[in-house]
Amino acid sequence: IKVGIKQVLRAIIWSEYVFLISPIITLFWFLIFNRNYGINDVKYFPPFSLLEVFQPEMLEEGIIYILQSINLFEIAYVIILSKKISQACKLDFDEGLKIISSSYIPFFLLWLVIVAFMLLIIA
C-alpha cells in the first residue's frame, strides 16, 4: 500500500481529537455538578472508564492506571483511526481496522503493562 506520511499524520491528528472530550467532560462536571471536590475526586474521575466499576481506594496505582486507560475514548480512537487510515489508504474499514488492531492495540497494551509495572515498583 502506497500512502504518504502526510496523509497518515493527518489521520492520526484527526483521531486524537477524541481525547479532548474526556477533559472537557471532567471540567464541566466539576464546574457545574460537583463544586465541592478534592484532589482525589479529580484524580479518580476518568469518565467512561473501567475504574468506575471499582473502588479506587482499594486498588494499587498500577491497576488504577490500567483501569483509567481502558475507556470508551480509546475504543472511539481505534474506530476513528481505523476509518481515517482506511480512507487515506483507500481501503475498506475492515482492512483499516486490521491495520490498527495489529499495530496500535498491542503497543497500547504493552504501554499499559510497562507503566503499571513502573507505578507498582515506585509505590
PDB file of N, CA and C in Angstrom:
ATOM      1  N   ILE A   1       0.851  -1.174   0.000  1.00  0.00           N
ATOM      2  CA  ILE A   1       0.000   0.000   0.000  1.00  0.00           C
ATOM      3  C   ILE A   1       0.894   1.233   0.000  1.00  0.00           C
ATOM      4  N   LYS A   2       0.664   2.100  -0.964  1.00  0.00           N
ATOM      5  CA  LYS A   2       1.423   3.343  -1.027  1.00  0.00           C
ATOM      6  C   LYS A   2       0.581   4.462  -0.425  1.00  0.00           C
ATOM      7  N   VAL A   3       1.131   5.076   0.612  1.00  0.00           N
ATOM      8  CA  VAL A   3       0.460   6.201   1.254  1.00  0.00           C
ATOM      9  C   VAL A   3       1.535   7.128   1.800  1.00  0.00           C
ATOM     10  N   GLY A   4       1.275   8.418   1.706  1.00  0.00           N
ATOM     11  CA  GLY A   4       2.237   9.398   2.170  1.00  0.00           C
ATOM     12  C   GLY A   4       2.165   9.603   3.677  1.00  0.00           C
ATOM     13  N   ILE A   5       3.280  10.023   4.235  1.00  0.00           N
ATOM     14  CA  ILE A   5       3.344  10.261   5.668  1.00  0.00           C
ATOM     15  C   ILE A   5       2.410  11.408   6.073  1.00  0.00           C
ATOM     16  N   LYS A   6       2.211  12.346   5.178  1.00  0.00           N
ATOM     17  CA  LYS A   6       1.324  13.468   5.465  1.00  0.00           C
ATOM     18  C   LYS A   6      -0.112  12.993   5.645  1.00  0.00           C
ATOM     19  N   GLN A   7      -0.546  12.049   4.832  1.00  0.00           N
ATOM     20  CA  GLN A   7      -1.908  11.505   4.959  1.00  0.00           C
ATOM     21  C   GLN A   7      -2.062  10.716   6.254  1.00  0.00           C
ATOM     22  N   VAL A   8      -1.037   9.970   6.626  1.00  0.00           N
ATOM     23  CA  VAL A   8      -1.095   9.190   7.860  1.00  0.00           C
ATOM     24  C   VAL A   8      -1.123  10.120   9.065  1.00  0.00           C
ATOM     25  N   LEU A   9      -0.274  11.130   9.067  1.00  0.00           N
ATOM     26  CA  LEU A   9      -0.262  12.085  10.178  1.00  0.00           C
ATOM     27  C   LEU A   9      -1.580  12.839  10.288  1.00  0.00           C
ATOM     28  N   ARG A  10      -2.169  13.180   9.162  1.00  0.00           N
ATOM     29  CA  ARG A  10      -3.466  13.857   9.174  1.00  0.00           C
ATOM     30  C   ARG A  10      -4.530  12.954   9.800  1.00  0.00           C
ATOM     31  N   ALA A  11      -4.509  11.683   9.471  1.00  0.00           N
ATOM     32  CA  ALA A  11      -5.462  10.723  10.046  1.00  0.00           C
ATOM     33  C   ALA A  11      -5.258  10.593  11.549  1.00  0.00           C
ATOM     34  N   ILE A  12      -4.012  10.543  11.977  1.00  0.00           N
ATOM     35  CA  ILE A  12      -3.721  10.420  13.407  1.00  0.00           C
ATOM     36  C   ILE A  12      -4.150  11.665  14.160  1.00  0.00           C
ATOM     37  N   ILE A  13      -3.856  12.826  13.613  1.00  0.00           N
ATOM     38  CA  ILE A  13      -4.225  14.073  14.294  1.00  0.00           C
ATOM     39  C   ILE A  13      -5.737  14.203  14.407  1.00  0.00           C
ATOM     40  N   TRP A  14      -6.469  13.865  13.361  1.00  0.00           N
ATOM     41  CA  TRP A  14      -7.932  13.914  13.439  1.00  0.00           C
ATOM     42  C   TRP A  14      -8.458  12.945  14.497  1.00  0.00           C
ATOM     43  N   SER A  15      -7.828  11.812  14.604  1.00  0.00           N
ATOM     44  CA  SER A  15      -8.267  10.816  15.581  1.00  0.00           C
ATOM     45  C   SER A  15      -7.961  11.248  17.006  1.00  0.00           C
ATOM     46  N   GLU A  16      -6.898  11.996  17.204  1.00  0.00           N
ATOM     47  CA  GLU A  16      -6.502  12.431  18.545  1.00  0.00           C
ATOM     48  C   GLU A  16      -7.522  13.389  19.178  1.00  0.00           C
ATOM     49  N   TYR A  17      -8.342  14.040  18.390  1.00  0.00           N
ATOM     50  CA  TYR A  17      -9.319  14.978  18.948  1.00  0.00           C
ATOM     51  C   TYR A  17     -10.313  14.297  19.881  1.00  0.00           C
ATOM     52  N   VAL A  18     -10.496  12.991  19.749  1.00  0.00           N
ATOM     53  CA  VAL A  18     -11.436  12.286  20.614  1.00  0.00           C
ATOM     54  C   VAL A  18     -10.968  12.350  22.071  1.00  0.00           C
ATOM     55  N   PHE A  19      -9.665  12.479  22.302  1.00  0.00           N
ATOM     56  CA  PHE A  19      -9.146  12.529  23.661  1.00  0.00           C
ATOM     57  C   PHE A  19      -9.397  13.879  24.336  1.00  0.00           C
ATOM     58  N   LEU A  20      -9.856  14.869  23.617  1.00  0.00           N
ATOM     59  CA  LEU A  20     -10.220  16.146  24.226  1.00  0.00           C
ATOM     60  C   LEU A  20     -11.575  16.086  24.929  1.00  0.00           C
ATOM     61  N   ILE A  21     -12.371  15.110  24.595  1.00  0.00           N
ATOM     62  CA  ILE A  21     -13.721  15.016  25.165  1.00  0.00           C
ATOM     63  C   ILE A  21     -13.664  14.718  26.659  1.00  0.00           C
ATOM     64  N   SER A  22     -12.779  13.840  27.083  1.00  0.00           N
ATOM     65  CA  SER A  22     -12.684  13.452  28.490  1.00  0.00           C
ATOM     66  C   SER A  22     -12.348  14.629  29.406  1.00  0.00           C
ATOM     67  N   PRO A  23     -11.322  15.439  29.118  1.00  0.00           N
ATOM     68  CA  PRO A  23     -11.056  16.585  29.991  1.00  0.00           C
ATOM     69  C   PRO A  23     -12.178  17.619  29.975  1.00  0.00           C
ATOM     70  N   ILE A  24     -12.856  17.751  28.828  1.00  0.00           N
ATOM     71  CA  ILE A  24     -13.974  18.693  28.765  1.00  0.00           C
ATOM     72  C   ILE A  24     -15.119  18.214  29.650  1.00  0.00           C
ATOM     73  N   ILE A  25     -15.411  16.912  29.619  1.00  0.00           N
ATOM     74  CA  ILE A  25     -16.452  16.354  30.493  1.00  0.00           C
ATOM     75  C   ILE A  25     -16.061  16.549  31.951  1.00  0.00           C
ATOM     76  N   THR A  26     -14.807  16.276  32.282  1.00  0.00           N
ATOM     77  CA  THR A  26     -14.331  16.436  33.658  1.00  0.00           C
ATOM     78  C   THR A  26     -14.448  17.886  34.103  1.00  0.00           C
ATOM     79  N   LEU A  27     -14.044  18.802  33.262  1.00  0.00           N
ATOM     80  CA  LEU A  27     -14.115  20.226  33.592  1.00  0.00           C
ATOM     81  C   LEU A  27     -15.545  20.659  33.865  1.00  0.00           C
ATOM     82  N   PHE A  28     -16.460  20.312  32.964  1.00  0.00           N
ATOM     83  CA  PHE A  28     -17.848  20.696  33.165  1.00  0.00           C
ATOM     84  C   PHE A  28     -18.469  20.003  34.373  1.00  0.00           C
ATOM     85  N   TRP A  29     -18.092  18.764  34.635  1.00  0.00           N
ATOM     86  CA  TRP A  29     -18.632  18.041  35.787  1.00  0.00           C
ATOM     87  C   TRP A  29     -18.288  18.756  37.090  1.00  0.00           C
ATOM     88  N   PHE A  30     -17.023  19.163  37.216  1.00  0.00           N
ATOM     89  CA  PHE A  30     -16.605  19.790  38.463  1.00  0.00           C
ATOM     90  C   PHE A  30     -16.934  21.278  38.523  1.00  0.00           C
ATOM     91  N   LEU A  31     -17.216  21.898  37.407  1.00  0.00           N
ATOM     92  CA  LEU A  31     -17.642  23.296  37.422  1.00  0.00           C
ATOM     93  C   LEU A  31     -19.142  23.444  37.639  1.00  0.00           C
ATOM     94  N   ILE A  32     -19.923  22.480  37.137  1.00  0.00           N
ATOM     95  CA  ILE A  32     -21.373  22.618  37.169  1.00  0.00           C
ATOM     96  C   ILE A  32     -22.022  21.717  38.210  1.00  0.00           C
ATOM     97  N   PHE A  33     -21.694  20.429  38.209  1.00  0.00           N
ATOM     98  CA  PHE A  33     -22.431  19.474  39.031  1.00  0.00           C
ATOM     99  C   PHE A  33     -21.816  19.235  40.409  1.00  0.00           C
ATOM    100  N   ASN A  34     -20.508  19.212  40.504  1.00  0.00           N
ATOM    101  CA  ASN A  34     -19.851  18.881  41.763  1.00  0.00           C
ATOM    102  C   ASN A  34     -18.863  19.988  42.109  1.00  0.00           C
ATOM    103  N   ARG A  35     -19.322  20.992  42.843  1.00  0.00           N
ATOM    104  CA  ARG A  35     -18.468  22.126  43.161  1.00  0.00           C
ATOM    105  C   ARG A  35     -17.668  21.904  44.435  1.00  0.00           C
ATOM    106  N   ASN A  36     -17.994  20.876  45.200  1.00  0.00           N
ATOM    107  CA  ASN A  36     -17.277  20.567  46.435  1.00  0.00           C
ATOM    108  C   ASN A  36     -16.481  19.281  46.207  1.00  0.00           C
ATOM    109  N   TYR A  37     -15.217  19.425  45.820  1.00  0.00           N
ATOM    110  CA  TYR A  37     -14.421  18.267  45.453  1.00  0.00           C
ATOM    111  C   TYR A  37     -13.002  18.406  45.972  1.00  0.00           C
ATOM    112  N   GLY A  38     -12.333  17.286  46.080  1.00  0.00           N
ATOM    113  CA  GLY A  38     -10.932  17.237  46.488  1.00  0.00           C
ATOM    114  C   GLY A  38     -10.063  16.720  45.359  1.00  0.00           C
ATOM    115  N   ILE A  39      -8.766  16.653  45.633  1.00  0.00           N
ATOM    116  CA  ILE A  39      -7.831  16.220  44.604  1.00  0.00           C
ATOM    117  C   ILE A  39      -8.080  14.774  44.189  1.00  0.00           C
ATOM    118  N   ASN A  40      -8.467  13.916  45.129  1.00  0.00           N
ATOM    119  CA  ASN A  40      -8.736  12.514  44.791  1.00  0.00           C
ATOM    120  C   ASN A  40      -9.987  12.366  43.937  1.00  0.00           C
ATOM    121  N   ASP A  41     -10.956  13.265  44.130  1.00  0.00           N
ATOM    122  CA  ASP A  41     -12.153  13.226  43.286  1.00  0.00           C
ATOM    123  C   ASP A  41     -11.789  13.470  41.824  1.00  0.00           C
ATOM    124  N   VAL A  42     -10.907  14.423  41.586  1.00  0.00           N
ATOM    125  CA  VAL A  42     -10.481  14.730  40.218  1.00  0.00           C
ATOM    126  C   VAL A  42      -9.571  13.625  39.685  1.00  0.00           C
ATOM    127  N   LYS A  43      -8.692  13.130  40.549  1.00  0.00           N
ATOM    128  CA  LYS A  43      -7.731  12.102  40.137  1.00  0.00           C
ATOM    129  C   LYS A  43      -8.420  10.810  39.706  1.00  0.00           C
ATOM    130  N   TYR A  44      -9.473  10.444  40.409  1.00  0.00           N
ATOM    131  CA  TYR A  44     -10.155   9.187  40.123  1.00  0.00           C
ATOM    132  C   TYR A  44     -11.449   9.397  39.337  1.00  0.00           C
ATOM    133  N   PHE A  45     -11.509  10.439  38.523  1.00  0.00           N
ATOM    134  CA  PHE A  45     -12.697  10.722  37.734  1.00  0.00           C
ATOM    135  C   PHE A  45     -12.408  10.674  36.237  1.00  0.00           C
ATOM    136  N   PRO A  46     -11.997   9.561  35.718  1.00  0.00           N
ATOM    137  CA  PRO A  46     -11.929   9.466  34.263  1.00  0.00           C
ATOM    138  C   PRO A  46     -13.288   8.980  33.748  1.00  0.00           C
ATOM    139  N   PRO A  47     -14.008   9.807  33.025  1.00  0.00           N
ATOM    140  CA  PRO A  47     -15.345   9.398  32.585  1.00  0.00           C
ATOM    141  C   PRO A  47     -15.300   8.209  31.623  1.00  0.00           C
ATOM    142  N   PHE A  48     -16.284   7.342  31.773  1.00  0.00           N
ATOM    143  CA  PHE A  48     -16.495   6.188  30.886  1.00  0.00           C
ATOM    144  C   PHE A  48     -15.313   5.214  30.868  1.00  0.00           C
ATOM    145  N   SER A  49     -14.683   5.009  32.022  1.00  0.00           N
ATOM    146  CA  SER A  49     -13.581   4.054  32.097  1.00  0.00           C
ATOM    147  C   SER A  49     -13.963   2.872  32.979  1.00  0.00           C
ATOM    148  N   LEU A  50     -13.127   1.850  32.961  1.00  0.00           N
ATOM    149  CA  LEU A  50     -13.369   0.681  33.804  1.00  0.00           C
ATOM    150  C   LEU A  50     -13.192   0.986  35.287  1.00  0.00           C
ATOM    151  N   LEU A  51     -12.531   2.092  35.609  1.00  0.00           N
ATOM    152  CA  LEU A  51     -12.333   2.458  37.009  1.00  0.00           C
ATOM    153  C   LEU A  51     -13.654   2.762  37.703  1.00  0.00           C
ATOM    154  N   GLU A  52     -14.665   3.149  36.951  1.00  0.00           N
ATOM    155  CA  GLU A  52     -15.971   3.448  37.532  1.00  0.00           C
ATOM    156  C   GLU A  52     -16.618   2.208  38.156  1.00  0.00           C
ATOM    157  N   VAL A  53     -16.191   1.032  37.751  1.00  0.00           N
ATOM    158  CA  VAL A  53     -16.767  -0.213  38.259  1.00  0.00           C
ATOM    159  C   VAL A  53     -16.166  -0.570  39.623  1.00  0.00           C
ATOM    160  N   PHE A  54     -14.935  -0.108  39.885  1.00  0.00           N
ATOM    161  CA  PHE A  54     -14.214  -0.472  41.102  1.00  0.00           C
ATOM    162  C   PHE A  54     -14.098   0.717  42.049  1.00  0.00           C
ATOM    163  N   GLN A  55     -13.697   0.439  43.268  1.00  0.00           N
ATOM    164  CA  GLN A  55     -13.398   1.490  44.236  1.00  0.00           C
ATOM    165  C   GLN A  55     -11.901   1.786  44.176  1.00  0.00           C
ATOM    166  N   PRO A  56     -11.506   2.964  43.727  1.00  0.00           N
ATOM    167  CA  PRO A  56     -10.078   3.249  43.531  1.00  0.00           C
ATOM    168  C   PRO A  56      -9.263   3.210  44.821  1.00  0.00           C
ATOM    169  N   GLU A  57      -9.896   3.485  45.954  1.00  0.00           N
ATOM    170  CA  GLU A  57      -9.161   3.499  47.212  1.00  0.00           C
ATOM    171  C   GLU A  57      -8.626   2.122  47.576  1.00  0.00           C
ATOM    172  N   MET A  58      -9.230   1.070  47.045  1.00  0.00           N
ATOM    173  CA  MET A  58      -8.842  -0.296  47.372  1.00  0.00           C
ATOM    174  C   MET A  58      -7.820  -0.882  46.386  1.00  0.00           C
ATOM    175  N   LEU A  59      -7.419  -0.111  45.374  1.00  0.00           N
ATOM    176  CA  LEU A  59      -6.559  -0.636  44.314  1.00  0.00           C
ATOM    177  C   LEU A  59      -5.168  -0.018  44.359  1.00  0.00           C
ATOM    178  N   GLU A  60      -4.203  -0.728  43.787  1.00  0.00           N
ATOM    179  CA  GLU A  60      -2.844  -0.209  43.640  1.00  0.00           C
ATOM    180  C   GLU A  60      -2.812   0.802  42.488  1.00  0.00           C
ATOM    181  N   GLU A  61      -1.804   1.686  42.513  1.00  0.00           N
ATOM    182  CA  GLU A  61      -1.692   2.729  41.490  1.00  0.00           C
ATOM    183  C   GLU A  61      -1.569   2.159  40.077  1.00  0.00           C
ATOM    184  N   GLY A  62      -0.842   1.085  39.910  1.00  0.00           N
ATOM    185  CA  GLY A  62      -0.684   0.488  38.582  1.00  0.00           C
ATOM    186  C   GLY A  62      -1.988  -0.031  38.024  1.00  0.00           C
ATOM    187  N   ILE A  63      -2.786  -0.646  38.878  1.00  0.00           N
ATOM    188  CA  ILE A  63      -4.092  -1.158  38.455  1.00  0.00           C
ATOM    189  C   ILE A  63      -5.031   0.006  38.147  1.00  0.00           C
ATOM    190  N   ILE A  64      -4.944   1.063  38.943  1.00  0.00           N
ATOM    191  CA  ILE A  64      -5.780   2.246  38.691  1.00  0.00           C
ATOM    192  C   ILE A  64      -5.460   2.835  37.322  1.00  0.00           C
ATOM    193  N   TYR A  65      -4.171   2.920  36.994  1.00  0.00           N
ATOM    194  CA  TYR A  65      -3.779   3.454  35.685  1.00  0.00           C
ATOM    195  C   TYR A  65      -4.344   2.615  34.542  1.00  0.00           C
ATOM    196  N   ILE A  66      -4.260   1.302  34.682  1.00  0.00           N
ATOM    197  CA  ILE A  66      -4.785   0.419  33.644  1.00  0.00           C
ATOM    198  C   ILE A  66      -6.292   0.609  33.486  1.00  0.00           C
ATOM    199  N   LEU A  67      -7.008   0.642  34.607  1.00  0.00           N
ATOM    200  CA  LEU A  67      -8.465   0.783  34.546  1.00  0.00           C
ATOM    201  C   LEU A  67      -8.891   2.149  34.026  1.00  0.00           C
ATOM    202  N   GLN A  68      -8.109   3.189  34.319  1.00  0.00           N
ATOM    203  CA  GLN A  68      -8.419   4.515  33.784  1.00  0.00           C
ATOM    204  C   GLN A  68      -8.170   4.579  32.281  1.00  0.00           C
ATOM    205  N   SER A  69      -7.159   3.881  31.830  1.00  0.00           N
ATOM    206  CA  SER A  69      -6.771   3.962  30.419  1.00  0.00           C
ATOM    207  C   SER A  69      -7.692   3.176  29.496  1.00  0.00           C
ATOM    208  N   ILE A  70      -8.331   2.153  30.018  1.00  0.00           N
ATOM    209  CA  ILE A  70      -9.256   1.380  29.193  1.00  0.00           C
ATOM    210  C   ILE A  70     -10.628   2.026  29.322  1.00  0.00           C
ATOM    211  N   ASN A  71     -11.002   2.780  28.317  1.00  0.00           N
ATOM    212  CA  ASN A  71     -12.253   3.540  28.368  1.00  0.00           C
ATOM    213  C   ASN A  71     -12.878   3.652  26.986  1.00  0.00           C
ATOM    214  N   LEU A  72     -14.044   4.261  26.947  1.00  0.00           N
ATOM    215  CA  LEU A  72     -14.751   4.397  25.663  1.00  0.00           C
ATOM    216  C   LEU A  72     -14.016   5.299  24.677  1.00  0.00           C
ATOM    217  N   PHE A  73     -13.220   6.216  25.192  1.00  0.00           N
ATOM    218  CA  PHE A  73     -12.483   7.109  24.302  1.00  0.00           C
ATOM    219  C   PHE A  73     -11.385   6.364  23.546  1.00  0.00           C
ATOM    220  N   GLU A  74     -10.782   5.381  24.187  1.00  0.00           N
ATOM    221  CA  GLU A  74      -9.800   4.539  23.482  1.00  0.00           C
ATOM    222  C   GLU A  74     -10.474   3.747  22.375  1.00  0.00           C
ATOM    223  N   ILE A  75     -11.647   3.222  22.658  1.00  0.00           N
ATOM    224  CA  ILE A  75     -12.388   2.468  21.647  1.00  0.00           C
ATOM    225  C   ILE A  75     -12.777   3.386  20.490  1.00  0.00           C
ATOM    226  N   ALA A  76     -13.249   4.577  20.827  1.00  0.00           N
ATOM    227  CA  ALA A  76     -13.599   5.552  19.781  1.00  0.00           C
ATOM    228  C   ALA A  76     -12.371   5.948  18.984  1.00  0.00           C
ATOM    229  N   TYR A  77     -11.230   6.079  19.657  1.00  0.00           N
ATOM    230  CA  TYR A  77      -9.983   6.418  18.967  1.00  0.00           C
ATOM    231  C   TYR A  77      -9.610   5.344  17.952  1.00  0.00           C
ATOM    232  N   VAL A  78      -9.711   4.085  18.361  1.00  0.00           N
ATOM    233  CA  VAL A  78      -9.374   2.983  17.457  1.00  0.00           C
ATOM    234  C   VAL A  78     -10.309   2.985  16.252  1.00  0.00           C
ATOM    235  N   ILE A  79     -11.588   3.204  16.483  1.00  0.00           N
ATOM    236  CA  ILE A  79     -12.560   3.205  15.389  1.00  0.00           C
ATOM    237  C   ILE A  79     -12.312   4.376  14.434  1.00  0.00           C
ATOM    238  N   ILE A  80     -12.109   5.567  14.995  1.00  0.00           N
ATOM    239  CA  ILE A  80     -11.885   6.747  14.146  1.00  0.00           C
ATOM    240  C   ILE A  80     -10.561   6.616  13.391  1.00  0.00           C
ATOM    241  N   LEU A  81      -9.526   6.154  14.092  1.00  0.00           N
ATOM    242  CA  LEU A  81      -8.234   5.983  13.425  1.00  0.00           C
ATOM    243  C   LEU A  81      -8.315   4.941  12.318  1.00  0.00           C
ATOM    244  N   SER A  82      -9.036   3.873  12.563  1.00  0.00           N
ATOM    245  CA  SER A  82      -9.220   2.850  11.532  1.00  0.00           C
ATOM    246  C   SER A  82      -9.932   3.422  10.317  1.00  0.00           C
ATOM    247  N   LYS A  83     -10.957   4.233  10.573  1.00  0.00           N
ATOM    248  CA  LYS A  83     -11.704   4.844   9.467  1.00  0.00           C
ATOM    249  C   LYS A  83     -10.818   5.799   8.674  1.00  0.00           C
ATOM    250  N   LYS A  84     -10.067   6.633   9.384  1.00  0.00           N
ATOM    251  CA  LYS A  84      -9.213   7.617   8.710  1.00  0.00           C
ATOM    252  C   LYS A  84      -8.054   6.943   7.952  1.00  0.00           C
ATOM    253  N   ILE A  85      -7.476   5.914   8.533  1.00  0.00           N
ATOM    254  CA  ILE A  85      -6.394   5.192   7.849  1.00  0.00           C
ATOM    255  C   ILE A  85      -6.933   4.473   6.613  1.00  0.00           C
ATOM    256  N   SER A  86      -8.116   3.888   6.747  1.00  0.00           N
ATOM    257  CA  SER A  86      -8.692   3.208   5.579  1.00  0.00           C
ATOM    258  C   SER A  86      -9.015   4.206   4.471  1.00  0.00           C
ATOM    259  N   GLN A  87      -9.434   5.419   4.833  1.00  0.00           N
ATOM    260  CA  GLN A  87      -9.678   6.444   3.820  1.00  0.00           C
ATOM    261  C   GLN A  87      -8.370   6.896   3.178  1.00  0.00           C
ATOM    262  N   ALA A  88      -7.339   7.084   4.003  1.00  0.00           N
ATOM    263  CA  ALA A  88      -6.053   7.544   3.462  1.00  0.00           C
ATOM    264  C   ALA A  88      -5.425   6.500   2.541  1.00  0.00           C
ATOM    265  N   CYS A  89      -5.608   5.235   2.874  1.00  0.00           N
ATOM    266  CA  CYS A  89      -5.022   4.150   2.083  1.00  0.00           C
ATOM    267  C   CYS A  89      -5.964   3.635   1.002  1.00  0.00           C
ATOM    268  N   LYS A  90      -7.168   4.187   0.960  1.00  0.00           N
ATOM    269  CA  LYS A  90      -8.188   3.755   0.007  1.00  0.00           C
ATOM    270  C   LYS A  90      -8.499   2.264   0.176  1.00  0.00           C
ATOM    271  N   LEU A  91      -8.792   1.887   1.422  1.00  0.00           N
ATOM    272  CA  LEU A  91      -9.132   0.516   1.774  1.00  0.00           C
ATOM    273  C   LEU A  91     -10.515   0.470   2.404  1.00  0.00           C
ATOM    274  N   ASP A  92     -11.024  -0.746   2.601  1.00  0.00           N
ATOM    275  CA  ASP A  92     -12.263  -0.911   3.351  1.00  0.00           C
ATOM    276  C   ASP A  92     -11.996  -0.625   4.823  1.00  0.00           C
ATOM    277  N   PHE A  93     -13.066  -0.343   5.565  1.00  0.00           N
ATOM    278  CA  PHE A  93     -12.939  -0.104   7.001  1.00  0.00           C
ATOM    279  C   PHE A  93     -12.364  -1.329   7.708  1.00  0.00           C
ATOM    280  N   ASP A  94     -12.765  -2.517   7.277  1.00  0.00           N
ATOM    281  CA  ASP A  94     -12.260  -3.744   7.900  1.00  0.00           C
ATOM    282  C   ASP A  94     -10.741  -3.860   7.763  1.00  0.00           C
ATOM    283  N   GLU A  95     -10.220  -3.482   6.619  1.00  0.00           N
ATOM    284  CA  GLU A  95      -8.772  -3.521   6.411  1.00  0.00           C
ATOM    285  C   GLU A  95      -8.072  -2.493   7.294  1.00  0.00           C
ATOM    286  N   GLY A  96      -8.661  -1.311   7.412  1.00  0.00           N
ATOM    287  CA  GLY A  96      -8.100  -0.292   8.296  1.00  0.00           C
ATOM    288  C   GLY A  96      -8.118  -0.747   9.747  1.00  0.00           C
ATOM    289  N   LEU A  97      -9.195  -1.424  10.136  1.00  0.00           N
ATOM    290  CA  LEU A  97      -9.294  -1.946  11.498  1.00  0.00           C
ATOM    291  C   LEU A  97      -8.246  -3.034  11.740  1.00  0.00           C
ATOM    292  N   LYS A  98      -7.976  -3.838  10.733  1.00  0.00           N
ATOM    293  CA  LYS A  98      -6.927  -4.862  10.868  1.00  0.00           C
ATOM    294  C   LYS A  98      -5.554  -4.217  11.047  1.00  0.00           C
ATOM    295  N   ILE A  99      -5.301  -3.152  10.302  1.00  0.00           N
ATOM    296  CA  ILE A  99      -4.017  -2.455  10.418  1.00  0.00           C
ATOM    297  C   ILE A  99      -3.851  -1.897  11.823  1.00  0.00           C
ATOM    298  N   ILE A 100      -4.871  -1.224  12.323  1.00  0.00           N
ATOM    299  CA  ILE A 100      -4.800  -0.614  13.648  1.00  0.00           C
ATOM    300  C   ILE A 100      -4.787  -1.678  14.736  1.00  0.00           C
ATOM    301  N   SER A 101      -5.563  -2.731  14.557  1.00  0.00           N
ATOM    302  CA  SER A 101      -5.607  -3.805  15.553  1.00  0.00           C
ATOM    303  C   SER A 101      -4.273  -4.529  15.667  1.00  0.00           C
ATOM    304  N   SER A 102      -3.560  -4.616  14.584  1.00  0.00           N
ATOM    305  CA  SER A 102      -2.280  -5.323  14.629  1.00  0.00           C
ATOM    306  C   SER A 102      -1.119  -4.417  15.010  1.00  0.00           C
ATOM    307  N   SER A 103      -1.333  -3.109  15.062  1.00  0.00           N
ATOM    308  CA  SER A 103      -0.227  -2.210  15.402  1.00  0.00           C
ATOM    309  C   SER A 103      -0.505  -1.430  16.692  1.00  0.00           C
ATOM    310  N   TYR A 104      -1.556  -0.664  16.734  1.00  0.00           N
ATOM    311  CA  TYR A 104      -1.809   0.210  17.880  1.00  0.00           C
ATOM    312  C   TYR A 104      -2.181  -0.561  19.134  1.00  0.00           C
ATOM    313  N   ILE A 105      -3.085  -1.506  19.031  1.00  0.00           N
ATOM    314  CA  ILE A 105      -3.599  -2.199  20.221  1.00  0.00           C
ATOM    315  C   ILE A 105      -2.498  -2.980  20.952  1.00  0.00           C
ATOM    316  N   PRO A 106      -1.643  -3.753  20.275  1.00  0.00           N
ATOM    317  CA  PRO A 106      -0.573  -4.436  21.025  1.00  0.00           C
ATOM    318  C   PRO A 106       0.387  -3.463  21.723  1.00  0.00           C
ATOM    319  N   PHE A 107       0.729  -2.369  21.050  1.00  0.00           N
ATOM    320  CA  PHE A 107       1.630  -1.409  21.673  1.00  0.00           C
ATOM    321  C   PHE A 107       0.955  -0.653  22.813  1.00  0.00           C
ATOM    322  N   PHE A 108      -0.334  -0.411  22.695  1.00  0.00           N
ATOM    323  CA  PHE A 108      -1.086   0.209  23.789  1.00  0.00           C
ATOM    324  C   PHE A 108      -1.091  -0.711  25.011  1.00  0.00           C
ATOM    325  N   LEU A 109      -1.326  -1.990  24.804  1.00  0.00           N
ATOM    326  CA  LEU A 109      -1.314  -2.944  25.911  1.00  0.00           C
ATOM    327  C   LEU A 109       0.090  -3.073  26.513  1.00  0.00           C
ATOM    328  N   LEU A 110       1.108  -3.066  25.677  1.00  0.00           N
ATOM    329  CA  LEU A 110       2.484  -3.094  26.168  1.00  0.00           C
ATOM    330  C   LEU A 110       2.774  -1.854  27.009  1.00  0.00           C
ATOM    331  N   TRP A 111       2.328  -0.705  26.545  1.00  0.00           N
ATOM    332  CA  TRP A 111       2.493   0.539  27.287  1.00  0.00           C
ATOM    333  C   TRP A 111       1.809   0.455  28.650  1.00  0.00           C
ATOM    334  N   LEU A 112       0.589  -0.066  28.691  1.00  0.00           N
ATOM    335  CA  LEU A 112      -0.128  -0.213  29.955  1.00  0.00           C
ATOM    336  C   LEU A 112       0.643  -1.093  30.933  1.00  0.00           C
ATOM    337  N   VAL A 113       1.169  -2.201  30.447  1.00  0.00           N
ATOM    338  CA  VAL A 113       1.908  -3.116  31.317  1.00  0.00           C
ATOM    339  C   VAL A 113       3.179  -2.454  31.845  1.00  0.00           C
ATOM    340  N   ILE A 114       3.905  -1.765  30.990  1.00  0.00           N
ATOM    341  CA  ILE A 114       5.156  -1.118  31.412  1.00  0.00           C
ATOM    342  C   ILE A 114       4.880  -0.031  32.440  1.00  0.00           C
ATOM    343  N   VAL A 115       3.920   0.833  32.175  1.00  0.00           N
ATOM    344  CA  VAL A 115       3.619   1.921  33.107  1.00  0.00           C
ATOM    345  C   VAL A 115       3.067   1.373  34.420  1.00  0.00           C
ATOM    346  N   ALA A 116       2.193   0.383  34.359  1.00  0.00           N
ATOM    347  CA  ALA A 116       1.652  -0.208  35.582  1.00  0.00           C
ATOM    348  C   ALA A 116       2.773  -0.841  36.401  1.00  0.00           C
ATOM    349  N   PHE A 117       3.686  -1.535  35.749  1.00  0.00           N
ATOM    350  CA  PHE A 117       4.817  -2.138  36.436  1.00  0.00           C
ATOM    351  C   PHE A 117       5.665  -1.072  37.111  1.00  0.00           C
ATOM    352  N   MET A 118       5.938   0.011  36.411  1.00  0.00           N
ATOM    353  CA  MET A 118       6.734   1.105  36.986  1.00  0.00           C
ATOM    354  C   MET A 118       6.019   1.742  38.176  1.00  0.00           C
ATOM    355  N   LEU A 119       4.730   1.940  38.069  1.00  0.00           N
ATOM    356  CA  LEU A 119       3.981   2.523  39.174  1.00  0.00           C
ATOM    357  C   LEU A 119       3.956   1.595  40.389  1.00  0.00           C
ATOM    358  N   LEU A 120       3.867   0.314  40.146  1.00  0.00           N
ATOM    359  CA  LEU A 120       3.893  -0.639  41.258  1.00  0.00           C
ATOM    360  C   LEU A 120       5.278  -0.685  41.921  1.00  0.00           C
ATOM    361  N   ILE A 121       6.336  -0.547  41.138  1.00  0.00           N
ATOM    362  CA  ILE A 121       7.682  -0.531  41.703  1.00  0.00           C
ATOM    363  C   ILE A 121       7.898   0.738  42.545  1.00  0.00           C
ATOM    364  N   ILE A 122       7.435   1.863  42.028  1.00  0.00           N
ATOM    365  CA  ILE A 122       7.609   3.126  42.745  1.00  0.00           C
ATOM    366  C   ILE A 122       6.810   3.120  44.054  1.00  0.00           C
ATOM    367  N   ALA A 123       5.612   2.560  44.001  1.00  0.00           N
ATOM    368  CA  ALA A 123       4.771   2.517  45.217  1.00  0.00           C
ATOM    369  C   ALA A 123       5.331   1.502  46.157  1.00  0.00           C
TER     370      ALA A 123
END
